[in-house]
Amino acid sequence: MSSQEIKMRTDAEVLVAALEEAQRILAAYENPGCHRTRDDIIAMVEFIICNPSVTRAMLRQKMRSRLKLVG
């Protein structure tokens, strides 16, 4: 794959990646050697969740599920 090719990720892949990253951050916070404050961790998880690509993926998934319920 050349450096100019961009792999498009599905909505599910974007959401799973965001959840995995949030879980990783939370697990690191539980580590006794973690030097982050609770506010730092909340800000980091908020940054992941509020990422525009994650928000768009979530909204598209919600729209799809609503269409399935109506259809």
N, C-alpha and C. Protein backbone atom coordinates (compact mmCIF):
# COMPACT_ATOMS: atom_id res chain seq x y z
N MET A 1 0.84 -1.17 0.00
CA MET A 1 0.00 0.00 0.00
C MET A 1 0.89 1.24 0.00
N SER A 2 0.67 2.14 -0.93
CA SER A 2 1.51 3.33 -1.01
C SER A 2 1.12 4.33 0.07
N SER A 3 1.98 5.29 0.29
CA SER A 3 1.75 6.26 1.35
C SER A 3 0.57 7.18 1.04
N GLN A 4 0.14 7.23 -0.22
CA GLN A 4 -0.97 8.10 -0.59
C GLN A 4 -2.32 7.39 -0.51
N GLU A 5 -2.31 6.09 -0.36
CA GLU A 5 -3.57 5.37 -0.23
C GLU A 5 -4.08 5.51 1.20
N ILE A 6 -5.36 5.81 1.31
CA ILE A 6 -5.97 5.98 2.63
C ILE A 6 -7.00 4.88 2.83
N LYS A 7 -6.89 4.17 3.92
CA LYS A 7 -7.84 3.11 4.22
C LYS A 7 -9.06 3.74 4.89
N MET A 8 -10.21 3.53 4.31
CA MET A 8 -11.44 4.03 4.90
C MET A 8 -11.91 3.03 5.94
N ARG A 9 -12.20 3.52 7.13
CA ARG A 9 -12.67 2.64 8.19
C ARG A 9 -14.19 2.69 8.26
N THR A 10 -14.78 1.56 8.56
CA THR A 10 -16.23 1.53 8.72
C THR A 10 -16.60 2.21 10.03
N ASP A 11 -17.88 2.54 10.16
CA ASP A 11 -18.36 3.16 11.39
C ASP A 11 -18.09 2.25 12.58
N ALA A 12 -18.31 0.97 12.40
CA ALA A 12 -18.09 0.02 13.50
C ALA A 12 -16.62 0.02 13.91
N GLU A 13 -15.71 0.07 12.94
CA GLU A 13 -14.28 0.10 13.26
C GLU A 13 -13.90 1.36 14.02
N VAL A 14 -14.48 2.49 13.63
CA VAL A 14 -14.20 3.75 14.32
C VAL A 14 -14.69 3.69 15.76
N LEU A 15 -15.90 3.18 15.95
CA LEU A 15 -16.47 3.10 17.30
C LEU A 15 -15.70 2.11 18.18
N VAL A 16 -15.34 0.97 17.61
CA VAL A 16 -14.59 -0.03 18.38
C VAL A 16 -13.22 0.54 18.77
N ALA A 17 -12.56 1.22 17.86
CA ALA A 17 -11.25 1.79 18.15
C ALA A 17 -11.35 2.83 19.27
N ALA A 18 -12.40 3.66 19.23
CA ALA A 18 -12.59 4.67 20.28
C ALA A 18 -12.84 4.02 21.63
N LEU A 19 -13.66 2.98 21.65
CA LEU A 19 -13.93 2.29 22.91
C LEU A 19 -12.69 1.60 23.45
N GLU A 20 -11.92 0.99 22.57
CA GLU A 20 -10.69 0.33 23.01
C GLU A 20 -9.70 1.33 23.59
N GLU A 21 -9.60 2.50 22.97
CA GLU A 21 -8.68 3.53 23.47
C GLU A 21 -9.16 4.04 24.83
N ALA A 22 -10.46 4.26 24.97
CA ALA A 22 -11.00 4.70 26.26
C ALA A 22 -10.74 3.65 27.34
N GLN A 23 -10.92 2.38 26.99
CA GLN A 23 -10.65 1.31 27.96
C GLN A 23 -9.18 1.28 28.35
N ARG A 24 -8.30 1.49 27.38
CA ARG A 24 -6.86 1.50 27.65
C ARG A 24 -6.52 2.62 28.63
N ILE A 25 -7.09 3.79 28.42
CA ILE A 25 -6.83 4.93 29.30
C ILE A 25 -7.34 4.65 30.71
N LEU A 26 -8.55 4.10 30.80
CA LEU A 26 -9.12 3.80 32.11
C LEU A 26 -8.31 2.72 32.83
N ALA A 27 -7.83 1.73 32.09
CA ALA A 27 -7.00 0.68 32.70
C ALA A 27 -5.68 1.26 33.20
N ALA A 28 -5.11 2.17 32.44
CA ALA A 28 -3.86 2.80 32.86
C ALA A 28 -4.07 3.61 34.14
N TYR A 29 -5.24 4.23 34.26
CA TYR A 29 -5.54 5.03 35.46
C TYR A 29 -5.61 4.14 36.70
N GLU A 30 -6.07 2.90 36.54
CA GLU A 30 -6.17 1.98 37.67
C GLU A 30 -4.79 1.47 38.12
N ASN A 31 -3.80 1.64 37.27
CA ASN A 31 -2.43 1.23 37.60
C ASN A 31 -1.90 2.13 38.72
N PRO A 32 -1.36 1.54 39.79
CA PRO A 32 -0.85 2.35 40.91
C PRO A 32 0.24 3.34 40.50
N GLY A 33 0.93 3.07 39.41
CA GLY A 33 2.01 3.96 38.97
C GLY A 33 1.53 5.13 38.11
N CYS A 34 0.23 5.24 37.92
CA CYS A 34 -0.32 6.31 37.07
C CYS A 34 -0.20 7.65 37.80
N HIS A 35 0.33 8.64 37.10
CA HIS A 35 0.52 9.96 37.69
C HIS A 35 -0.48 10.97 37.16
N ARG A 36 -1.55 10.49 36.58
CA ARG A 36 -2.60 11.37 36.05
C ARG A 36 -3.68 11.58 37.10
N THR A 37 -4.29 12.75 37.07
CA THR A 37 -5.40 13.01 37.98
C THR A 37 -6.68 12.50 37.34
N ARG A 38 -7.70 12.40 38.14
CA ARG A 38 -9.01 11.97 37.63
C ARG A 38 -9.50 12.93 36.54
N ASP A 39 -9.29 14.23 36.75
CA ASP A 39 -9.70 15.22 35.74
C ASP A 39 -8.96 15.03 34.42
N ASP A 40 -7.67 14.67 34.50
CA ASP A 40 -6.90 14.40 33.28
C ASP A 40 -7.50 13.23 32.51
N ILE A 41 -7.83 12.16 33.24
CA ILE A 41 -8.40 10.97 32.60
C ILE A 41 -9.74 11.28 31.97
N ILE A 42 -10.58 12.02 32.69
CA ILE A 42 -11.89 12.40 32.15
C ILE A 42 -11.71 13.22 30.88
N ALA A 43 -10.77 14.15 30.88
CA ALA A 43 -10.52 14.98 29.70
C ALA A 43 -10.04 14.13 28.52
N MET A 44 -9.19 13.15 28.80
CA MET A 44 -8.68 12.29 27.72
C MET A 44 -9.80 11.44 27.12
N VAL A 45 -10.65 10.88 27.96
CA VAL A 45 -11.76 10.07 27.46
C VAL A 45 -12.75 10.96 26.72
N GLU A 46 -13.00 12.15 27.24
CA GLU A 46 -13.90 13.09 26.57
C GLU A 46 -13.36 13.46 25.18
N PHE A 47 -12.05 13.65 25.08
CA PHE A 47 -11.44 13.98 23.79
C PHE A 47 -11.70 12.87 22.78
N ILE A 48 -11.60 11.62 23.22
CA ILE A 48 -11.84 10.48 22.32
C ILE A 48 -13.30 10.43 21.91
N ILE A 49 -14.20 10.54 22.87
CA ILE A 49 -15.62 10.41 22.59
C ILE A 49 -16.14 11.55 21.73
N CYS A 50 -15.60 12.75 21.93
CA CYS A 50 -16.08 13.93 21.20
C CYS A 50 -15.35 14.14 19.87
N ASN A 51 -14.49 13.22 19.49
CA ASN A 51 -13.79 13.30 18.20
C ASN A 51 -14.84 13.33 17.09
N PRO A 52 -14.74 14.25 16.14
CA PRO A 52 -15.76 14.36 15.10
C PRO A 52 -15.99 13.06 14.32
N SER A 53 -14.95 12.28 14.06
CA SER A 53 -15.15 11.04 13.32
C SER A 53 -15.95 10.03 14.15
N VAL A 54 -15.73 10.03 15.46
CA VAL A 54 -16.49 9.13 16.34
C VAL A 54 -17.94 9.58 16.41
N THR A 55 -18.15 10.88 16.53
CA THR A 55 -19.51 11.42 16.59
C THR A 55 -20.28 11.12 15.31
N ARG A 56 -19.64 11.32 14.15
CA ARG A 56 -20.32 11.02 12.88
C ARG A 56 -20.65 9.54 12.76
N ALA A 57 -19.71 8.69 13.15
CA ALA A 57 -19.95 7.24 13.08
C ALA A 57 -21.12 6.85 13.97
N MET A 58 -21.17 7.42 15.17
CA MET A 58 -22.25 7.11 16.10
C MET A 58 -23.60 7.57 15.54
N LEU A 59 -23.64 8.77 14.99
CA LEU A 59 -24.89 9.28 14.43
C LEU A 59 -25.36 8.44 13.24
N ARG A 60 -24.42 8.03 12.38
CA ARG A 60 -24.82 7.18 11.24
C ARG A 60 -25.35 5.83 11.72
N GLN A 61 -24.71 5.26 12.74
CA GLN A 61 -25.18 3.99 13.28
C GLN A 61 -26.59 4.14 13.88
N LYS A 62 -26.81 5.25 14.58
CA LYS A 62 -28.14 5.49 15.16
C LYS A 62 -29.19 5.64 14.06
N MET A 63 -28.84 6.35 12.99
CA MET A 63 -29.80 6.52 11.88
C MET A 63 -30.11 5.17 11.23
N ARG A 64 -29.09 4.35 11.03
CA ARG A 64 -29.31 3.04 10.43
C ARG A 64 -30.23 2.18 11.29
N SER A 65 -30.00 2.19 12.60
CA SER A 65 -30.83 1.36 13.48
C SER A 65 -32.26 1.87 13.49
N ARG A 66 -32.47 3.16 13.41
CA ARG A 66 -33.83 3.71 13.35
C ARG A 66 -34.52 3.33 12.05
N LEU A 67 -33.76 3.35 10.94
CA LEU A 67 -34.35 2.95 9.66
C LEU A 67 -34.76 1.49 9.67
N LYS A 68 -33.97 0.64 10.33
CA LYS A 68 -34.30 -0.78 10.42
C LYS A 68 -35.58 -0.99 11.23
N LEU A 69 -35.75 -0.19 12.28
CA LEU A 69 -36.95 -0.30 13.11
C LEU A 69 -38.19 0.15 12.35
N VAL A 70 -38.08 1.19 11.54
CA VAL A 70 -39.21 1.71 10.78
C VAL A 70 -39.53 0.82 9.59
N GLY A 71 -38.47 0.34 8.92
CA GLY A 71 -38.63 -0.45 7.70
C GLY A 71 -39.04 -1.81 8.00
